[in-house]
Protein backbone atom coordinates (compact mmCIF):
# COMPACT_ATOMS: atom_id res chain seq x y z
CA MET A 1 75.73 84.70 113.02
CA ILE A 2 73.16 85.39 110.36
CA GLY A 3 70.88 82.38 110.06
CA ASP A 4 73.29 79.47 110.21
CA ARG A 5 76.09 81.43 108.48
CA ARG A 6 79.20 82.28 110.48
CA VAL A 7 80.71 85.75 110.32
CA LEU A 8 84.33 86.62 111.09
CA ALA A 9 85.46 90.25 111.43
CA VAL A 10 89.09 91.24 110.87
CA VAL A 11 90.51 94.56 112.04
CA PRO A 12 93.90 95.18 110.38
CA ALA A 13 95.93 97.66 112.42
CA ARG A 14 99.49 97.93 111.17
CA GLY A 15 101.74 100.02 113.42
CA GLY A 16 103.73 101.78 110.76
CA SER A 17 102.32 104.75 108.91
CA GLN A 18 104.15 106.97 106.47
CA ARG A 19 101.85 109.99 106.92
CA LEU A 20 100.50 109.78 110.48
CA THR A 21 102.65 107.93 113.00
CA ALA A 22 100.89 105.40 115.30
CA LYS A 23 97.51 106.66 114.09
CA ASN A 24 95.48 103.64 115.23
CA ALA A 25 96.37 104.30 118.90
CA ARG A 26 95.98 108.10 118.76
CA ILE A 27 93.25 109.61 120.90
CA LEU A 28 90.25 110.58 118.78
CA ALA A 29 87.12 112.02 120.40
CA GLY A 30 88.28 110.72 123.77
CA ARG A 31 89.31 107.19 122.74
CA PRO A 32 92.16 105.53 120.85
CA MET A 33 91.05 105.59 117.23
CA ILE A 34 90.91 101.79 116.93
CA ALA A 35 88.59 101.63 119.96
CA TRP A 36 85.76 103.17 117.92
CA THR A 37 85.91 100.33 115.41
CA LEU A 38 86.06 97.73 118.17
CA ALA A 39 83.08 99.32 119.94
CA ALA A 40 80.99 99.23 116.76
CA ALA A 41 81.94 95.58 116.18
CA ALA A 42 81.03 94.73 119.78
CA GLY A 43 77.50 95.97 119.15
CA SER A 44 76.99 93.84 116.05
CA ARG A 45 74.26 91.22 116.22
CA LEU A 46 75.80 89.29 113.34
CA ILE A 47 79.56 89.07 113.97
CA ASP A 48 80.49 85.79 115.63
CA HIS A 49 84.18 86.41 116.20
CA LEU A 50 86.63 89.26 115.74
CA VAL A 51 90.39 89.29 115.43
CA VAL A 52 92.80 92.20 115.44
CA SER A 53 95.80 91.76 113.15
CA THR A 54 98.70 94.00 114.16
CA ASP A 55 102.42 94.40 114.62
CA ASP A 56 101.94 97.27 117.10
CA ALA A 57 102.25 96.55 120.83
CA ALA A 58 100.17 99.64 121.70
CA VAL A 59 97.29 98.47 119.49
CA ALA A 60 97.51 94.97 120.96
CA ALA A 61 97.32 96.39 124.48
CA ILE A 62 94.27 98.53 123.65
CA ALA A 63 92.41 95.56 122.15
CA THR A 64 93.22 93.39 125.18
CA GLU A 65 92.15 96.11 127.62
CA LEU A 66 88.82 96.35 125.82
CA GLY A 67 88.23 92.65 126.35
CA TRP A 68 89.04 91.25 122.92
CA PRO A 69 91.07 88.07 122.43
CA PRO A 70 94.84 88.60 122.07
CA PRO A 71 95.54 90.03 118.61
CA PHE A 72 97.35 88.05 115.96
CA VAL A 73 100.89 89.34 115.63
CA ARG A 74 101.70 89.81 111.98
CA PRO A 75 104.94 88.39 110.66
CA GLU A 76 107.43 90.94 109.40
CA HIS A 77 106.66 90.31 105.73
CA LEU A 78 103.03 91.36 106.36
CA SER A 79 103.91 94.55 108.23
CA GLY A 80 105.28 96.77 105.47
CA ALA A 81 103.67 99.77 103.82
CA ASN A 82 102.96 97.78 100.64
CA THR A 83 101.33 94.82 102.38
CA SER A 84 98.03 93.77 100.84
CA VAL A 85 95.11 93.72 103.26
CA ILE A 86 94.00 90.48 101.59
CA ASP A 87 97.30 88.89 102.66
CA ALA A 88 96.68 90.04 106.23
CA ILE A 89 93.16 88.59 106.15
CA GLU A 90 94.46 85.31 104.74
CA HIS A 91 97.00 85.14 107.57
CA ALA A 92 94.24 85.74 110.13
CA LEU A 93 92.06 83.03 108.57
CA ASP A 94 94.95 80.60 108.66
CA GLN A 95 95.64 81.43 112.31
CA ILE A 96 92.08 81.11 113.54
CA GLY A 97 91.04 78.16 111.38
CA GLY A 98 87.51 76.89 110.98
CA ASP A 99 84.91 77.54 108.31
CA TRP A 100 83.51 81.04 107.81
CA ASP A 101 80.72 82.08 105.49
CA TYR A 102 81.59 85.77 105.56
CA VAL A 103 84.65 87.85 106.37
CA VAL A 104 84.06 91.47 107.37
CA LEU A 105 86.96 93.88 106.98
CA LEU A 106 86.78 96.79 109.44
CA GLN A 107 89.62 99.23 108.99
CA PRO A 108 90.35 101.27 112.15
CA THR A 109 90.99 104.31 109.96
CA SER A 110 87.20 104.56 109.46
CA PRO A 111 86.06 105.23 113.04
CA LEU A 112 82.79 106.97 112.14
CA ARG A 113 81.00 103.89 110.87
CA THR A 114 78.27 102.52 113.14
CA VAL A 115 77.05 99.09 114.14
CA GLU A 116 74.07 99.67 111.84
CA ASP A 117 76.46 100.09 108.92
CA ILE A 118 78.24 96.85 109.77
CA ASP A 119 75.10 94.74 110.18
CA GLY A 120 73.44 96.42 107.21
CA ALA A 121 76.31 95.49 104.92
CA ILE A 122 76.39 91.90 106.18
CA THR A 123 72.63 91.55 105.73
CA LEU A 124 72.80 92.96 102.20
CA CYS A 125 75.50 90.46 101.22
CA ASP A 126 73.58 87.54 102.72
CA GLN A 127 70.14 88.40 101.36
CA SER A 128 71.36 89.33 97.87
CA GLY A 129 73.69 86.38 97.31
CA ALA A 130 76.37 88.84 96.14
CA PRO A 131 80.02 87.77 96.36
CA SER A 132 80.80 90.89 98.37
CA VAL A 133 79.57 94.27 99.56
CA VAL A 134 81.60 97.47 99.91
CA GLY A 135 80.72 100.65 101.77
CA VAL A 136 80.40 103.67 99.51
CA SER A 137 79.64 107.34 99.97
CA PRO A 138 78.48 110.10 97.62
CA LEU A 139 80.79 112.64 96.05
CA PRO A 140 81.43 115.49 98.52
CA LYS A 141 80.12 118.20 96.16
CA PRO A 142 77.01 118.40 93.92
CA LEU A 143 77.62 117.38 90.30
CA PRO A 144 77.70 120.94 88.86
CA PHE A 145 80.91 121.56 90.82
CA TYR A 146 82.83 118.88 88.89
CA GLY A 147 84.66 119.25 85.61
CA ARG A 148 88.10 118.81 84.07
CA VAL A 149 91.08 120.87 82.98
CA ASP A 150 92.24 120.54 79.38
CA GLY A 151 95.79 120.72 78.03
CA ALA A 152 95.64 124.52 77.84
CA GLY A 153 94.60 124.85 81.47
CA ARG A 154 90.98 125.70 80.68
CA TYR A 155 88.22 124.50 82.96
CA ILE A 156 85.54 122.47 81.20
CA SER A 157 82.39 121.57 83.09
CA GLY A 158 81.53 117.91 83.02
CA GLY A 159 79.75 116.99 86.22
CA GLN A 160 76.82 115.50 84.31
CA HIS A 161 79.08 112.61 83.31
CA LEU A 162 79.48 111.67 86.99
CA GLU A 163 75.82 110.78 87.55
CA GLY A 164 75.73 107.77 89.89
CA THR A 165 79.42 108.06 90.80
CA VAL A 166 80.30 107.09 94.37
CA VAL A 167 83.50 106.66 96.37
CA ILE A 168 84.57 103.47 98.17
CA ASN A 169 84.90 104.85 101.68
CA GLY A 170 86.90 102.07 103.36
CA ALA A 171 84.45 101.77 106.26
CA VAL A 172 83.11 98.24 105.73
CA TYR A 173 83.78 95.37 103.37
CA VAL A 174 81.95 92.02 103.46
CA GLY A 175 83.01 89.06 101.38
CA ARG A 176 82.69 85.34 100.96
CA PRO A 177 86.17 84.02 101.84
CA GLU A 178 86.52 81.55 98.98
CA ILE A 179 85.75 84.23 96.37
CA MET A 180 87.74 86.97 98.06
CA LEU A 181 90.86 84.82 98.38
CA LYS A 182 90.59 83.55 94.82
CA ASP A 183 90.17 87.03 93.32
CA ARG A 184 92.42 88.73 95.94
CA THR A 185 89.89 91.56 96.28
CA PHE A 186 86.53 92.52 97.76
CA GLN A 187 85.58 93.90 94.35
CA SER A 188 84.71 90.72 92.49
CA GLU A 189 82.22 90.73 89.66
CA GLY A 190 78.75 91.26 91.08
CA THR A 191 79.89 93.24 94.15
CA LEU A 192 77.14 95.41 95.62
CA ALA A 193 77.43 98.88 97.15
CA TYR A 194 76.30 99.68 100.67
CA PRO A 195 75.53 103.44 100.66
CA MET A 196 76.63 105.49 103.67
CA PRO A 197 76.36 109.24 104.31
CA PHE A 198 79.43 111.44 104.08
CA GLU A 199 79.35 112.07 107.85
CA ARG A 200 80.12 108.40 108.57
CA SER A 201 82.50 107.79 105.68
CA TRP A 202 85.69 109.61 106.64
CA ASP A 203 88.96 107.72 106.14
CA VAL A 204 91.97 108.84 108.19
CA ASP A 205 95.47 108.80 106.71
CA THR A 206 96.88 112.24 107.53
CA ALA A 207 96.94 114.67 110.44
CA ALA A 208 94.47 116.94 108.63
CA GLU A 209 92.05 114.04 108.05
CA PHE A 210 92.41 113.06 111.71
CA ALA A 211 91.41 116.58 112.77
CA VAL A 212 88.40 116.61 110.40
CA CYS A 213 87.31 113.20 111.64
CA ASP A 214 87.45 114.41 115.23
CA ALA A 215 85.25 117.37 114.28
CA LEU A 216 82.72 115.14 112.49
CA PHE A 217 81.99 112.95 115.52
CA PRO A 218 79.06 115.06 116.83
CA PHE A 219 77.32 114.64 113.46
CA ARG A 220 77.74 110.86 113.17
CA ALA A 221 74.67 109.84 115.18
CA THR A 222 72.31 112.18 113.33
CA ALA A 223 73.46 111.46 109.79
CA GLY A 224 70.85 109.67 107.72
CA ALA A 225 71.78 106.65 105.60
């Protein structure tokens, strides 16, 4: 809780994956990948309740073993590769009921984010009055490295046009439920960015990204925001 505002966290962990099978339950840095997200959420001072939304029995067992309430089992129509995460959040809100001032989306494919990132994003949304906050990270290379290729295959430098460009990293989203559900996105007009360093911003979708994420774990604690 932040002040008298109630905060619900939703961890969507679909079992199917087209590029990395059963990734949420795979062992990463000594734990199932989803366990890192659940551990960060457990340390939050501001989250009042957390639900795991899954169709994967292995994920459900991991969450239960870690002491979380039984996950919500997604219906089949919310378990496909093209399922919107907003639909999954709406299902979770319907299942749990009650009034919530903020919904925090914590994707298990971003295991490097910390409790400070979670609470920092919630605090920014609450103090600013913004409809939502999304975690962002800087471009992985300095601006002079960026350019474009024209129709003849020639490289044309153009990094200066990317000044201020960031990447939505998928690590943390905070939104006011009534706005998020109306707009069907966490990127409503007036959304603010919560900056995070590259070392905590990795998103895992492939075996190669999984391996890089595993290698980045020693650097997570020392990375500055």
